[in-house]
Amino acid sequence: MIKTTHAFSSFSVNDLAAAKEFYANKLGLTVADGEMAGTLVLRLPDGHEVFLYEKPDHLPATFTVLNLVVENIEAAVDALNAVGVVTKIYDDPDFGTDARGIVWSKAAGYGPDIAWFRDPAGNVISVLAE
């Protein structure tokens, strides 16, 4: 077994400036330049950090790379839509999203209410109810 002193998550983007603007100005997260060129650090409200790195041959993640927990899913989706973030990214009729892209899972008893959207690099991000 290894002895871990620290852990963090990371994912790639194709345009660092676009990522910095999106995460800071559209999502309201604290974003800092990383110690290495071509990197950013997202500082999350609970104190954790996510490392973003620019990758010229970036391919968007096909899975959720970051989940943002919110008090009110409808207010969060409205705020995202107001700044141009599209939350209706899935059209599968079996998936069960409403017109704004919210899956009302909690009432069905199988998870939190959640909505997904993409960052400028195409990575999948979510907002989900506490």
N, C-alpha and C. Protein backbone atom coordinates (compact mmCIF):
# COMPACT_ATOMS: atom_id res chain seq x y z
N MET A 1 0.85 -1.18 0.00
CA MET A 1 0.00 0.00 0.00
C MET A 1 0.89 1.24 0.00
N ILE A 2 0.45 2.29 -0.67
CA ILE A 2 1.21 3.54 -0.70
C ILE A 2 0.77 4.46 0.42
N LYS A 3 1.63 5.34 0.82
CA LYS A 3 1.28 6.36 1.81
C LYS A 3 1.09 7.67 1.05
N THR A 4 -0.14 8.16 0.99
CA THR A 4 -0.48 9.37 0.26
C THR A 4 -0.41 10.58 1.19
N THR A 5 0.20 11.64 0.70
CA THR A 5 0.27 12.87 1.50
C THR A 5 -0.72 13.92 1.04
N HIS A 6 -1.19 13.77 -0.22
CA HIS A 6 -2.11 14.76 -0.79
C HIS A 6 -2.70 14.14 -2.04
N ALA A 7 -3.90 14.53 -2.40
CA ALA A 7 -4.52 14.04 -3.63
C ALA A 7 -5.30 15.18 -4.28
N PHE A 8 -5.41 15.11 -5.60
CA PHE A 8 -6.20 16.11 -6.32
C PHE A 8 -6.65 15.50 -7.63
N SER A 9 -7.67 16.10 -8.20
CA SER A 9 -8.19 15.67 -9.48
C SER A 9 -7.70 16.63 -10.55
N SER A 10 -7.70 16.15 -11.80
CA SER A 10 -7.30 17.02 -12.90
C SER A 10 -8.01 16.60 -14.17
N PHE A 11 -8.08 17.55 -15.11
CA PHE A 11 -8.57 17.25 -16.45
C PHE A 11 -8.03 18.29 -17.41
N SER A 12 -8.07 17.93 -18.69
CA SER A 12 -7.48 18.81 -19.70
C SER A 12 -8.52 19.72 -20.34
N VAL A 13 -8.01 20.81 -20.90
CA VAL A 13 -8.79 21.76 -21.69
C VAL A 13 -7.96 22.11 -22.92
N ASN A 14 -8.60 22.67 -23.93
CA ASN A 14 -7.84 23.03 -25.13
C ASN A 14 -7.51 24.52 -25.22
N ASP A 15 -8.09 25.33 -24.35
CA ASP A 15 -7.88 26.78 -24.38
C ASP A 15 -7.91 27.29 -22.95
N LEU A 16 -6.73 27.57 -22.41
CA LEU A 16 -6.62 27.97 -21.01
C LEU A 16 -7.34 29.29 -20.72
N ALA A 17 -7.26 30.25 -21.61
CA ALA A 17 -7.92 31.54 -21.39
C ALA A 17 -9.43 31.37 -21.35
N ALA A 18 -9.98 30.57 -22.25
CA ALA A 18 -11.42 30.32 -22.26
C ALA A 18 -11.85 29.58 -21.00
N ALA A 19 -11.05 28.63 -20.57
CA ALA A 19 -11.36 27.89 -19.34
C ALA A 19 -11.35 28.83 -18.13
N LYS A 20 -10.34 29.68 -18.06
CA LYS A 20 -10.23 30.61 -16.93
C LYS A 20 -11.44 31.54 -16.88
N GLU A 21 -11.84 32.07 -18.01
CA GLU A 21 -13.00 32.97 -18.06
C GLU A 21 -14.28 32.21 -17.67
N PHE A 22 -14.46 31.03 -18.18
CA PHE A 22 -15.65 30.24 -17.90
C PHE A 22 -15.76 29.88 -16.43
N TYR A 23 -14.73 29.29 -15.88
CA TYR A 23 -14.79 28.82 -14.49
C TYR A 23 -14.86 29.97 -13.50
N ALA A 24 -14.21 31.09 -13.80
CA ALA A 24 -14.25 32.24 -12.90
C ALA A 24 -15.51 33.06 -13.08
N ASN A 25 -15.84 33.42 -14.31
CA ASN A 25 -16.92 34.39 -14.55
C ASN A 25 -18.29 33.78 -14.77
N LYS A 26 -18.37 32.57 -15.26
CA LYS A 26 -19.68 31.94 -15.47
C LYS A 26 -20.07 31.03 -14.31
N LEU A 27 -19.07 30.36 -13.71
CA LEU A 27 -19.37 29.47 -12.60
C LEU A 27 -19.06 30.08 -11.24
N GLY A 28 -18.29 31.17 -11.23
CA GLY A 28 -18.01 31.85 -9.97
C GLY A 28 -17.00 31.15 -9.08
N LEU A 29 -16.18 30.29 -9.66
CA LEU A 29 -15.16 29.60 -8.87
C LEU A 29 -13.89 30.45 -8.80
N THR A 30 -13.10 30.22 -7.79
CA THR A 30 -11.81 30.88 -7.68
C THR A 30 -10.83 30.14 -8.59
N VAL A 31 -10.22 30.88 -9.50
CA VAL A 31 -9.30 30.30 -10.47
C VAL A 31 -7.96 31.01 -10.35
N ALA A 32 -6.90 30.24 -10.25
CA ALA A 32 -5.55 30.80 -10.16
C ALA A 32 -4.68 30.17 -11.23
N ASP A 33 -3.69 30.92 -11.70
CA ASP A 33 -2.71 30.35 -12.61
C ASP A 33 -1.93 29.29 -11.85
N GLY A 34 -1.65 28.18 -12.50
CA GLY A 34 -0.87 27.12 -11.88
C GLY A 34 0.60 27.50 -11.81
N GLU A 35 1.35 26.74 -11.06
CA GLU A 35 2.79 27.00 -10.94
C GLU A 35 3.51 26.72 -12.25
N MET A 36 3.01 25.79 -13.04
CA MET A 36 3.61 25.48 -14.34
C MET A 36 2.87 26.23 -15.43
N ALA A 37 3.57 26.63 -16.46
CA ALA A 37 2.94 27.28 -17.60
C ALA A 37 1.90 26.34 -18.20
N GLY A 38 0.80 26.91 -18.67
CA GLY A 38 -0.24 26.12 -19.31
C GLY A 38 -1.13 25.37 -18.34
N THR A 39 -1.20 25.86 -17.09
CA THR A 39 -2.04 25.20 -16.09
C THR A 39 -2.86 26.21 -15.29
N LEU A 40 -3.96 25.73 -14.76
CA LEU A 40 -4.81 26.51 -13.86
C LEU A 40 -5.14 25.66 -12.64
N VAL A 41 -5.52 26.32 -11.56
CA VAL A 41 -6.00 25.63 -10.37
C VAL A 41 -7.36 26.20 -10.03
N LEU A 42 -8.37 25.30 -9.98
CA LEU A 42 -9.70 25.70 -9.51
C LEU A 42 -9.73 25.45 -8.01
N ARG A 43 -10.09 26.47 -7.25
CA ARG A 43 -10.21 26.31 -5.80
C ARG A 43 -11.71 26.20 -5.50
N LEU A 44 -12.10 25.05 -5.03
CA LEU A 44 -13.51 24.77 -4.77
C LEU A 44 -13.93 25.29 -3.40
N PRO A 45 -15.23 25.52 -3.21
CA PRO A 45 -15.70 26.11 -1.95
C PRO A 45 -15.30 25.33 -0.70
N ASP A 46 -15.13 24.02 -0.80
CA ASP A 46 -14.79 23.22 0.38
C ASP A 46 -13.29 23.14 0.62
N GLY A 47 -12.49 23.86 -0.18
CA GLY A 47 -11.06 23.89 0.01
C GLY A 47 -10.28 22.95 -0.91
N HIS A 48 -10.94 22.04 -1.58
CA HIS A 48 -10.26 21.16 -2.52
C HIS A 48 -9.84 21.94 -3.77
N GLU A 49 -8.90 21.38 -4.49
CA GLU A 49 -8.43 22.00 -5.72
C GLU A 49 -8.51 21.01 -6.87
N VAL A 50 -8.74 21.55 -8.06
CA VAL A 50 -8.73 20.76 -9.29
C VAL A 50 -7.71 21.40 -10.21
N PHE A 51 -6.86 20.59 -10.77
CA PHE A 51 -5.77 21.03 -11.64
C PHE A 51 -6.23 20.92 -13.09
N LEU A 52 -6.18 22.02 -13.83
CA LEU A 52 -6.52 22.02 -15.26
C LEU A 52 -5.25 22.26 -16.05
N TYR A 53 -5.10 21.53 -17.12
CA TYR A 53 -3.92 21.69 -17.94
C TYR A 53 -4.32 21.77 -19.41
N GLU A 54 -3.61 22.62 -20.13
CA GLU A 54 -3.89 22.80 -21.55
C GLU A 54 -3.22 21.67 -22.33
N LYS A 55 -4.01 21.06 -23.22
CA LYS A 55 -3.53 19.95 -24.02
C LYS A 55 -3.92 20.20 -25.46
N PRO A 56 -2.95 20.39 -26.35
CA PRO A 56 -3.26 20.73 -27.74
C PRO A 56 -4.16 19.70 -28.45
N ASP A 57 -3.98 18.42 -28.14
CA ASP A 57 -4.81 17.39 -28.78
C ASP A 57 -5.94 16.93 -27.85
N HIS A 58 -6.41 17.84 -27.02
CA HIS A 58 -7.47 17.56 -26.05
C HIS A 58 -8.69 16.93 -26.72
N LEU A 59 -9.23 15.93 -26.08
CA LEU A 59 -10.53 15.36 -26.44
C LEU A 59 -11.43 15.52 -25.23
N PRO A 60 -12.64 16.07 -25.41
CA PRO A 60 -13.52 16.28 -24.26
C PRO A 60 -13.86 14.97 -23.55
N ALA A 61 -13.96 15.05 -22.26
CA ALA A 61 -14.36 13.89 -21.48
C ALA A 61 -15.82 13.56 -21.80
N THR A 62 -16.13 12.29 -21.92
CA THR A 62 -17.50 11.87 -22.21
C THR A 62 -18.26 11.55 -20.92
N PHE A 63 -17.65 11.83 -19.81
CA PHE A 63 -18.22 11.59 -18.49
C PHE A 63 -18.11 12.88 -17.68
N THR A 64 -18.78 12.95 -16.56
CA THR A 64 -18.76 14.15 -15.72
C THR A 64 -17.40 14.25 -15.02
N VAL A 65 -16.71 15.38 -15.24
CA VAL A 65 -15.40 15.57 -14.63
C VAL A 65 -15.47 16.43 -13.37
N LEU A 66 -16.57 17.16 -13.18
CA LEU A 66 -16.71 18.02 -12.01
C LEU A 66 -18.17 18.14 -11.66
N ASN A 67 -18.51 17.89 -10.40
CA ASN A 67 -19.88 18.02 -9.89
C ASN A 67 -19.91 19.19 -8.90
N LEU A 68 -20.79 20.13 -9.14
CA LEU A 68 -20.93 21.30 -8.27
C LEU A 68 -22.24 21.16 -7.50
N VAL A 69 -22.14 21.02 -6.19
CA VAL A 69 -23.32 20.85 -5.35
C VAL A 69 -23.92 22.22 -5.06
N VAL A 70 -25.24 22.33 -5.26
CA VAL A 70 -25.94 23.60 -5.08
C VAL A 70 -27.13 23.42 -4.14
N GLU A 71 -27.56 24.51 -3.51
CA GLU A 71 -28.72 24.45 -2.63
C GLU A 71 -30.02 24.34 -3.42
N ASN A 72 -30.09 25.03 -4.56
CA ASN A 72 -31.32 25.07 -5.33
C ASN A 72 -31.01 24.81 -6.80
N ILE A 73 -31.38 23.64 -7.27
CA ILE A 73 -31.06 23.24 -8.64
C ILE A 73 -31.71 24.15 -9.68
N GLU A 74 -32.94 24.55 -9.45
CA GLU A 74 -33.62 25.42 -10.42
C GLU A 74 -32.95 26.78 -10.50
N ALA A 75 -32.59 27.35 -9.36
CA ALA A 75 -31.91 28.65 -9.36
C ALA A 75 -30.55 28.55 -10.03
N ALA A 76 -29.83 27.44 -9.80
CA ALA A 76 -28.52 27.25 -10.42
C ALA A 76 -28.65 27.14 -11.93
N VAL A 77 -29.62 26.36 -12.41
CA VAL A 77 -29.83 26.21 -13.85
C VAL A 77 -30.24 27.54 -14.47
N ASP A 78 -31.12 28.27 -13.80
CA ASP A 78 -31.52 29.59 -14.30
C ASP A 78 -30.31 30.52 -14.40
N ALA A 79 -29.45 30.51 -13.38
CA ALA A 79 -28.26 31.38 -13.39
C ALA A 79 -27.30 30.98 -14.51
N LEU A 80 -27.11 29.68 -14.71
CA LEU A 80 -26.25 29.22 -15.80
C LEU A 80 -26.81 29.63 -17.16
N ASN A 81 -28.11 29.39 -17.35
CA ASN A 81 -28.74 29.75 -18.62
C ASN A 81 -28.66 31.25 -18.87
N ALA A 82 -28.76 32.06 -17.81
CA ALA A 82 -28.73 33.51 -17.95
C ALA A 82 -27.38 34.01 -18.48
N VAL A 83 -26.30 33.25 -18.22
CA VAL A 83 -24.98 33.65 -18.73
C VAL A 83 -24.57 32.85 -19.97
N GLY A 84 -25.56 32.19 -20.58
CA GLY A 84 -25.33 31.51 -21.85
C GLY A 84 -24.87 30.08 -21.77
N VAL A 85 -24.89 29.48 -20.59
CA VAL A 85 -24.50 28.08 -20.45
C VAL A 85 -25.71 27.20 -20.73
N VAL A 86 -25.57 26.29 -21.68
CA VAL A 86 -26.66 25.40 -22.08
C VAL A 86 -26.67 24.18 -21.16
N THR A 87 -27.78 23.97 -20.47
CA THR A 87 -27.89 22.84 -19.55
C THR A 87 -28.69 21.68 -20.13
N LYS A 88 -29.29 21.88 -21.28
CA LYS A 88 -30.01 20.79 -21.95
C LYS A 88 -29.07 20.18 -22.97
N ILE A 89 -28.19 19.26 -22.52
CA ILE A 89 -27.22 18.68 -23.44
C ILE A 89 -27.55 17.24 -23.79
N TYR A 90 -28.54 16.66 -23.13
CA TYR A 90 -28.96 15.30 -23.44
C TYR A 90 -30.40 15.31 -23.94
N ASP A 91 -30.64 14.65 -25.07
CA ASP A 91 -31.98 14.60 -25.66
C ASP A 91 -32.59 13.21 -25.63
N ASP A 92 -31.95 12.28 -24.99
CA ASP A 92 -32.44 10.91 -24.93
C ASP A 92 -33.76 10.87 -24.15
N PRO A 93 -34.87 10.46 -24.79
CA PRO A 93 -36.16 10.45 -24.10
C PRO A 93 -36.20 9.51 -22.89
N ASP A 94 -35.33 8.51 -22.86
CA ASP A 94 -35.29 7.59 -21.73
C ASP A 94 -34.49 8.14 -20.56
N PHE A 95 -33.80 9.25 -20.79
CA PHE A 95 -32.95 9.82 -19.75
C PHE A 95 -33.75 10.69 -18.78
N GLY A 96 -34.83 11.26 -19.23
CA GLY A 96 -35.73 11.97 -18.34
C GLY A 96 -35.39 13.38 -17.94
N THR A 97 -34.74 14.15 -18.81
CA THR A 97 -34.51 15.56 -18.47
C THR A 97 -35.73 16.37 -18.86
N ASP A 98 -35.97 17.44 -18.10
CA ASP A 98 -37.06 18.35 -18.44
C ASP A 98 -36.58 19.33 -19.52
N ALA A 99 -37.37 20.32 -19.82
CA ALA A 99 -37.05 21.27 -20.90
C ALA A 99 -35.76 22.05 -20.63
N ARG A 100 -35.37 22.18 -19.35
CA ARG A 100 -34.15 22.91 -19.01
C ARG A 100 -32.95 21.99 -18.81
N GLY A 101 -33.17 20.69 -18.93
CA GLY A 101 -32.07 19.74 -18.77
C GLY A 101 -31.92 19.18 -17.37
N ILE A 102 -32.91 19.39 -16.51
CA ILE A 102 -32.84 18.88 -15.14
C ILE A 102 -33.43 17.46 -15.09
N VAL A 103 -32.71 16.56 -14.45
CA VAL A 103 -33.24 15.23 -14.15
C VAL A 103 -33.73 15.28 -12.70
N TRP A 104 -35.01 15.05 -12.52
CA TRP A 104 -35.62 15.09 -11.18
C TRP A 104 -35.52 13.70 -10.56
N SER A 105 -34.33 13.33 -10.15
CA SER A 105 -34.04 11.99 -9.65
C SER A 105 -34.51 11.76 -8.22
N LYS A 106 -34.43 12.79 -7.40
CA LYS A 106 -34.70 12.63 -5.98
C LYS A 106 -36.12 12.11 -5.73
N ALA A 107 -37.10 12.67 -6.43
CA ALA A 107 -38.49 12.23 -6.26
C ALA A 107 -38.66 10.77 -6.67
N ALA A 108 -37.87 10.32 -7.64
CA ALA A 108 -37.94 8.94 -8.10
C ALA A 108 -37.15 8.00 -7.19
N GLY A 109 -36.37 8.58 -6.27
CA GLY A 109 -35.64 7.79 -5.30
C GLY A 109 -34.35 7.17 -5.80
N TYR A 110 -33.74 7.73 -6.85
CA TYR A 110 -32.50 7.12 -7.33
C TYR A 110 -31.34 8.09 -7.46
N GLY A 111 -31.31 9.14 -6.71
CA GLY A 111 -30.17 10.04 -6.74
C GLY A 111 -30.59 11.49 -6.63
N PRO A 112 -29.62 12.39 -6.66
CA PRO A 112 -29.94 13.82 -6.53
C PRO A 112 -30.50 14.38 -7.83
N ASP A 113 -31.25 15.46 -7.72
CA ASP A 113 -31.67 16.21 -8.91
C ASP A 113 -30.40 16.80 -9.50
N ILE A 114 -30.28 16.73 -10.84
CA ILE A 114 -29.01 17.07 -11.47
C ILE A 114 -29.23 17.62 -12.88
N ALA A 115 -28.33 18.49 -13.31
CA ALA A 115 -28.32 19.00 -14.69
C ALA A 115 -26.86 19.05 -15.13
N TRP A 116 -26.64 18.74 -16.40
CA TRP A 116 -25.29 18.73 -16.95
C TRP A 116 -25.12 19.83 -17.99
N PHE A 117 -23.88 20.24 -18.17
CA PHE A 117 -23.52 21.22 -19.18
C PHE A 117 -22.07 20.99 -19.54
N ARG A 118 -21.58 21.71 -20.54
CA ARG A 118 -20.20 21.53 -21.00
C ARG A 118 -19.38 22.81 -20.77
N ASP A 119 -18.11 22.63 -20.47
CA ASP A 119 -17.22 23.78 -20.40
C ASP A 119 -16.77 24.12 -21.83
N PRO A 120 -16.01 25.19 -22.04
CA PRO A 120 -15.62 25.56 -23.40
C PRO A 120 -14.83 24.48 -24.14
N ALA A 121 -14.19 23.58 -23.40
CA ALA A 121 -13.42 22.50 -24.02
C ALA A 121 -14.28 21.27 -24.31
N GLY A 122 -15.58 21.33 -23.93
CA GLY A 122 -16.49 20.23 -24.18
C GLY A 122 -16.58 19.22 -23.05
N ASN A 123 -15.85 19.43 -21.95
CA ASN A 123 -15.93 18.53 -20.80
C ASN A 123 -17.29 18.66 -20.13
N VAL A 124 -17.79 17.56 -19.60
CA VAL A 124 -19.09 17.54 -18.95
C VAL A 124 -18.96 17.92 -17.48
N ILE A 125 -19.77 18.91 -17.07
CA ILE A 125 -19.83 19.40 -15.69
C ILE A 125 -21.28 19.25 -15.24
N SER A 126 -21.52 19.12 -13.94
CA SER A 126 -22.90 19.07 -13.46
C SER A 126 -23.11 20.03 -12.30
N VAL A 127 -24.36 20.39 -12.13
CA VAL A 127 -24.84 20.98 -10.89
C VAL A 127 -25.84 19.98 -10.34
N LEU A 128 -25.75 19.73 -9.05
CA LEU A 128 -26.68 18.79 -8.44
C LEU A 128 -27.10 19.30 -7.08
N ALA A 129 -28.33 18.95 -6.72
CA ALA A 129 -28.92 19.43 -5.47
C ALA A 129 -28.28 18.71 -4.28
N GLU A 130 -28.15 19.45 -3.19
CA GLU A 130 -27.63 18.85 -1.94
C GLU A 130 -28.49 17.69 -1.53
